[in-house]
Amino acid sequence: MEATNTGYVIIDGEGRVIDANQNYALMSGHDKVEDIIGRQVTEWTAEYDLDRNADEIKKCAKQGISGTSG
């Protein structure tokens, strides 16, 4: 995950961060990956995008997919 130039995050079915790379941590406004592990991605999602984000998390959970990239 660290070799990519893009942000990458793995979330569980509830939208909590399981793992991420440093680029994603920085994109989400955090200094370290450790700062976001176990937290909901909606904590740093723009308000206008909360519904779409929640829908995508539900869709991924239903399909058994728990990873996304940013």
N, C-alpha and C. Protein backbone atom coordinates (compact mmCIF):
# COMPACT_ATOMS: atom_id res chain seq x y z
N MET A 1 0.82 -1.20 0.00
CA MET A 1 0.00 0.00 0.00
C MET A 1 0.86 1.26 0.00
N GLU A 2 2.03 1.19 0.56
CA GLU A 2 2.87 2.38 0.64
C GLU A 2 3.52 2.73 -0.70
N ALA A 3 3.58 1.77 -1.61
CA ALA A 3 4.25 2.01 -2.89
C ALA A 3 3.41 2.86 -3.85
N THR A 4 2.13 3.00 -3.59
CA THR A 4 1.27 3.76 -4.48
C THR A 4 1.32 5.25 -4.16
N ASN A 5 1.07 6.08 -5.15
CA ASN A 5 1.04 7.53 -4.96
C ASN A 5 -0.33 8.02 -4.51
N THR A 6 -1.26 7.13 -4.37
CA THR A 6 -2.61 7.50 -4.00
C THR A 6 -2.91 7.05 -2.58
N GLY A 7 -3.97 7.60 -2.02
CA GLY A 7 -4.39 7.16 -0.70
C GLY A 7 -5.11 5.83 -0.80
N TYR A 8 -4.91 4.98 0.17
CA TYR A 8 -5.53 3.67 0.19
C TYR A 8 -5.95 3.36 1.61
N VAL A 9 -7.20 2.88 1.75
CA VAL A 9 -7.72 2.56 3.07
C VAL A 9 -8.52 1.27 2.99
N ILE A 10 -8.44 0.48 4.04
CA ILE A 10 -9.27 -0.72 4.19
C ILE A 10 -10.19 -0.45 5.37
N ILE A 11 -11.49 -0.62 5.13
CA ILE A 11 -12.48 -0.36 6.18
C ILE A 11 -13.30 -1.61 6.43
N ASP A 12 -13.93 -1.66 7.59
CA ASP A 12 -14.84 -2.76 7.88
C ASP A 12 -16.24 -2.38 7.44
N GLY A 13 -17.20 -3.23 7.66
CA GLY A 13 -18.57 -3.01 7.22
C GLY A 13 -19.26 -1.84 7.90
N GLU A 14 -18.69 -1.34 8.96
CA GLU A 14 -19.25 -0.19 9.67
C GLU A 14 -18.56 1.11 9.29
N GLY A 15 -17.56 1.02 8.40
CA GLY A 15 -16.85 2.21 7.96
C GLY A 15 -15.68 2.60 8.83
N ARG A 16 -15.23 1.68 9.69
CA ARG A 16 -14.07 1.94 10.54
C ARG A 16 -12.79 1.53 9.80
N VAL A 17 -11.76 2.31 9.97
CA VAL A 17 -10.49 2.05 9.32
C VAL A 17 -9.80 0.85 9.96
N ILE A 18 -9.48 -0.14 9.13
CA ILE A 18 -8.72 -1.31 9.57
C ILE A 18 -7.24 -1.08 9.28
N ASP A 19 -6.96 -0.53 8.09
CA ASP A 19 -5.59 -0.25 7.69
C ASP A 19 -5.63 0.85 6.63
N ALA A 20 -4.53 1.54 6.48
CA ALA A 20 -4.43 2.60 5.48
C ALA A 20 -2.96 2.86 5.21
N ASN A 21 -2.69 3.59 4.15
CA ASN A 21 -1.31 4.00 3.93
C ASN A 21 -1.13 5.45 4.38
N GLN A 22 0.11 5.89 4.40
CA GLN A 22 0.43 7.23 4.88
C GLN A 22 -0.23 8.30 4.01
N ASN A 23 -0.32 8.08 2.70
CA ASN A 23 -0.97 9.06 1.82
C ASN A 23 -2.43 9.26 2.21
N TYR A 24 -3.13 8.19 2.53
CA TYR A 24 -4.53 8.34 2.94
C TYR A 24 -4.62 9.11 4.26
N ALA A 25 -3.74 8.79 5.20
CA ALA A 25 -3.75 9.52 6.48
C ALA A 25 -3.60 11.02 6.23
N LEU A 26 -2.65 11.39 5.39
CA LEU A 26 -2.44 12.80 5.09
C LEU A 26 -3.64 13.41 4.37
N MET A 27 -4.23 12.67 3.43
CA MET A 27 -5.40 13.16 2.69
C MET A 27 -6.58 13.40 3.63
N SER A 28 -6.65 12.61 4.69
CA SER A 28 -7.76 12.73 5.63
C SER A 28 -7.49 13.76 6.73
N GLY A 29 -6.34 14.43 6.64
CA GLY A 29 -6.03 15.48 7.59
C GLY A 29 -5.30 15.02 8.84
N HIS A 30 -4.69 13.84 8.77
CA HIS A 30 -4.00 13.28 9.93
C HIS A 30 -2.52 13.09 9.62
N ASP A 31 -1.71 13.11 10.65
CA ASP A 31 -0.27 12.98 10.48
C ASP A 31 0.20 11.54 10.31
N LYS A 32 -0.47 10.62 11.03
CA LYS A 32 -0.02 9.23 11.04
C LYS A 32 -1.19 8.29 10.82
N VAL A 33 -0.90 7.13 10.25
CA VAL A 33 -1.91 6.09 10.07
C VAL A 33 -2.51 5.70 11.41
N GLU A 34 -1.68 5.64 12.43
CA GLU A 34 -2.16 5.24 13.76
C GLU A 34 -3.26 6.17 14.28
N ASP A 35 -3.27 7.40 13.79
CA ASP A 35 -4.29 8.37 14.23
C ASP A 35 -5.70 8.03 13.71
N ILE A 36 -5.78 7.19 12.68
CA ILE A 36 -7.10 6.92 12.09
C ILE A 36 -7.56 5.48 12.25
N ILE A 37 -6.68 4.58 12.67
CA ILE A 37 -7.07 3.18 12.84
C ILE A 37 -8.20 3.08 13.87
N GLY A 38 -9.25 2.38 13.49
CA GLY A 38 -10.39 2.17 14.38
C GLY A 38 -11.43 3.28 14.35
N ARG A 39 -11.14 4.36 13.62
CA ARG A 39 -12.09 5.49 13.56
C ARG A 39 -12.95 5.39 12.30
N GLN A 40 -14.09 6.02 12.35
CA GLN A 40 -15.03 6.05 11.23
C GLN A 40 -14.53 7.01 10.15
N VAL A 41 -14.56 6.58 8.89
CA VAL A 41 -14.14 7.48 7.80
C VAL A 41 -15.05 8.69 7.69
N THR A 42 -16.27 8.58 8.19
CA THR A 42 -17.19 9.72 8.13
C THR A 42 -16.76 10.86 9.04
N GLU A 43 -15.83 10.61 9.95
CA GLU A 43 -15.34 11.67 10.83
C GLU A 43 -14.65 12.78 10.04
N TRP A 44 -14.07 12.46 8.89
CA TRP A 44 -13.37 13.46 8.09
C TRP A 44 -13.95 13.57 6.68
N THR A 45 -15.14 13.01 6.49
CA THR A 45 -15.83 13.14 5.21
C THR A 45 -16.55 14.49 5.19
N ALA A 46 -16.45 15.17 4.07
CA ALA A 46 -17.14 16.46 3.93
C ALA A 46 -18.64 16.27 4.13
N GLU A 47 -19.27 17.22 4.78
CA GLU A 47 -20.69 17.11 5.12
C GLU A 47 -21.55 16.83 3.89
N TYR A 48 -21.25 17.48 2.77
CA TYR A 48 -22.05 17.30 1.56
C TYR A 48 -21.91 15.89 0.99
N ASP A 49 -20.91 15.13 1.44
CA ASP A 49 -20.65 13.81 0.88
C ASP A 49 -20.96 12.68 1.87
N LEU A 50 -21.51 13.00 3.03
CA LEU A 50 -21.76 11.99 4.06
C LEU A 50 -22.74 10.91 3.60
N ASP A 51 -23.84 11.30 2.97
CA ASP A 51 -24.84 10.31 2.54
C ASP A 51 -24.26 9.37 1.49
N ARG A 52 -23.55 9.93 0.51
CA ARG A 52 -22.96 9.09 -0.54
C ARG A 52 -21.93 8.15 0.07
N ASN A 53 -21.12 8.66 0.98
CA ASN A 53 -20.11 7.84 1.63
C ASN A 53 -20.76 6.69 2.40
N ALA A 54 -21.79 6.99 3.17
CA ALA A 54 -22.49 5.96 3.94
C ALA A 54 -23.11 4.92 3.02
N ASP A 55 -23.67 5.35 1.90
CA ASP A 55 -24.26 4.42 0.93
C ASP A 55 -23.20 3.50 0.34
N GLU A 56 -22.03 4.05 0.04
CA GLU A 56 -20.95 3.24 -0.52
C GLU A 56 -20.44 2.22 0.49
N ILE A 57 -20.33 2.61 1.75
CA ILE A 57 -19.91 1.68 2.79
C ILE A 57 -20.90 0.53 2.90
N LYS A 58 -22.19 0.84 2.90
CA LYS A 58 -23.23 -0.19 2.97
C LYS A 58 -23.16 -1.12 1.77
N LYS A 59 -22.99 -0.54 0.58
CA LYS A 59 -22.93 -1.33 -0.64
C LYS A 59 -21.72 -2.28 -0.60
N CYS A 60 -20.58 -1.78 -0.19
CA CYS A 60 -19.38 -2.62 -0.09
C CYS A 60 -19.57 -3.73 0.93
N ALA A 61 -20.15 -3.41 2.07
CA ALA A 61 -20.38 -4.41 3.11
C ALA A 61 -21.32 -5.49 2.61
N LYS A 62 -22.36 -5.10 1.90
CA LYS A 62 -23.33 -6.06 1.38
C LYS A 62 -22.68 -7.00 0.36
N GLN A 63 -21.75 -6.46 -0.42
CA GLN A 63 -21.07 -7.25 -1.45
C GLN A 63 -19.85 -7.99 -0.90
N GLY A 64 -19.53 -7.74 0.36
CA GLY A 64 -18.38 -8.39 0.96
C GLY A 64 -17.06 -7.73 0.60
N ILE A 65 -17.13 -6.48 0.17
CA ILE A 65 -15.93 -5.73 -0.18
C ILE A 65 -15.67 -4.75 0.97
N SER A 66 -14.45 -4.72 1.47
CA SER A 66 -14.20 -3.83 2.59
C SER A 66 -13.05 -2.86 2.35
N GLY A 67 -12.63 -2.70 1.12
CA GLY A 67 -11.54 -1.79 0.84
C GLY A 67 -11.94 -0.72 -0.15
N THR A 68 -11.28 0.41 -0.08
CA THR A 68 -11.54 1.51 -1.02
C THR A 68 -10.26 2.32 -1.16
N SER A 69 -10.16 3.04 -2.22
CA SER A 69 -9.00 3.91 -2.38
C SER A 69 -9.48 5.32 -2.60
N GLY A 70 -8.63 6.28 -2.35
CA GLY A 70 -9.03 7.67 -2.48
C GLY A 70 -8.13 8.45 -3.38
